Amino acid sequence: ELAVDVGDLLTCLAGGNISAGPAWDDWHPYIGVRIETAIAPTAGILTIAAVIQE
């Protein structure tokens, strides 16, 4: 698996934004997450997969 733990739990309310990523240098991409709506409080895992091409 190529998954990376980005650190502690990040909370995001509906309509909020989270940006997280391994900032090894200035040009490295980051992961942005925006939660548009929430019907009810739930627990779960958000999995984001990315392909890096050079």
C-alpha atoms as a PDB file:
ATOM      1  CA  GLU A   1       0.000   0.000   0.000  1.00  0.00           C
ATOM      2  CA  LEU A   2       1.176   3.507  -0.771  1.00  0.00           C
ATOM      3  CA  ALA A   3      -1.053   5.189   1.822  1.00  0.00           C
ATOM      4  CA  VAL A   4       0.456   7.875   4.031  1.00  0.00           C
ATOM      5  CA  ASP A   5      -0.848   9.024   7.394  1.00  0.00           C
ATOM      6  CA  VAL A   6      -0.856  12.837   7.282  1.00  0.00           C
ATOM      7  CA  GLY A   7      -0.892  13.212  11.046  1.00  0.00           C
ATOM      8  CA  ASP A   8      -3.508  13.868  13.691  1.00  0.00           C
ATOM      9  CA  LEU A   9      -7.250  13.814  13.077  1.00  0.00           C
ATOM     10  CA  LEU A  10      -8.427  16.852  11.122  1.00  0.00           C
ATOM     11  CA  THR A  11     -12.004  17.948  11.708  1.00  0.00           C
ATOM     12  CA  CYS A  12     -14.047  19.693   9.039  1.00  0.00           C
ATOM     13  CA  LEU A  13     -17.550  21.073   9.370  1.00  0.00           C
ATOM     14  CA  ALA A  14     -20.015  21.102   6.477  1.00  0.00           C
ATOM     15  CA  GLY A  15     -18.945  23.856   4.092  1.00  0.00           C
ATOM     16  CA  GLY A  16     -15.437  23.908   5.556  1.00  0.00           C
ATOM     17  CA  ASN A  17     -12.084  23.232   3.901  1.00  0.00           C
ATOM     18  CA  ILE A  18      -9.072  21.132   4.813  1.00  0.00           C
ATOM     19  CA  SER A  19      -5.738  21.166   3.002  1.00  0.00           C
ATOM     20  CA  ALA A  20      -3.156  18.603   4.018  1.00  0.00           C
ATOM     21  CA  GLY A  21      -0.120  17.115   2.396  1.00  0.00           C
ATOM     22  CA  PRO A  22       3.559  16.305   2.653  1.00  0.00           C
ATOM     23  CA  ALA A  23       5.148  19.694   1.894  1.00  0.00           C
ATOM     24  CA  TRP A  24       8.626  18.459   1.068  1.00  0.00           C
ATOM     25  CA  ASP A  25       9.276  21.569  -1.016  1.00  0.00           C
ATOM     26  CA  ASP A  26       7.431  24.470  -2.588  1.00  0.00           C
ATOM     27  CA  TRP A  27       6.227  22.703  -5.735  1.00  0.00           C
ATOM     28  CA  HIS A  28       4.859  19.545  -4.120  1.00  0.00           C
ATOM     29  CA  PRO A  29       1.070  19.206  -4.483  1.00  0.00           C
ATOM     30  CA  TYR A  30      -1.293  19.131  -1.536  1.00  0.00           C
ATOM     31  CA  ILE A  31      -4.622  17.440  -0.938  1.00  0.00           C
ATOM     32  CA  GLY A  32      -7.664  19.664  -0.573  1.00  0.00           C
ATOM     33  CA  VAL A  33     -10.962  18.431   0.841  1.00  0.00           C
ATOM     34  CA  ARG A  34     -14.226  20.323   0.967  1.00  0.00           C
ATOM     35  CA  ILE A  35     -17.314  18.887   2.654  1.00  0.00           C
ATOM     36  CA  GLU A  36     -20.336  20.323   0.833  1.00  0.00           C
ATOM     37  CA  THR A  37     -23.231  18.896   2.853  1.00  0.00           C
ATOM     38  CA  ALA A  38     -23.780  16.685   5.857  1.00  0.00           C
ATOM     39  CA  ILE A  39     -27.070  14.875   6.413  1.00  0.00           C
ATOM     40  CA  ALA A  40     -26.253  13.548   9.877  1.00  0.00           C
ATOM     41  CA  PRO A  41     -23.150  13.111  12.006  1.00  0.00           C
ATOM     42  CA  THR A  42     -21.372   9.958  10.915  1.00  0.00           C
ATOM     43  CA  ALA A  43     -18.093   8.219  11.516  1.00  0.00           C
ATOM     44  CA  GLY A  44     -16.037   6.840   8.674  1.00  0.00           C
ATOM     45  CA  ILE A  45     -12.843   6.923   6.685  1.00  0.00           C
ATOM     46  CA  LEU A  46     -12.230   9.242   3.745  1.00  0.00           C
ATOM     47  CA  THR A  47      -9.779   7.607   1.364  1.00  0.00           C
ATOM     48  CA  ILE A  48      -8.020   9.741  -1.232  1.00  0.00           C
ATOM     49  CA  ALA A  49      -5.789   8.133  -3.839  1.00  0.00           C
ATOM     50  CA  ALA A  50      -3.422  10.156  -5.998  1.00  0.00           C
ATOM     51  CA  VAL A  51      -1.059   9.292  -8.823  1.00  0.00           C
ATOM     52  CA  ILE A  52       2.142  11.310  -9.034  1.00  0.00           C
ATOM     53  CA  GLN A  53       3.650  11.583 -12.498  1.00  0.00           C
ATOM     54  CA  GLU A  54       6.967  13.246 -13.179  1.00  0.00           C
END
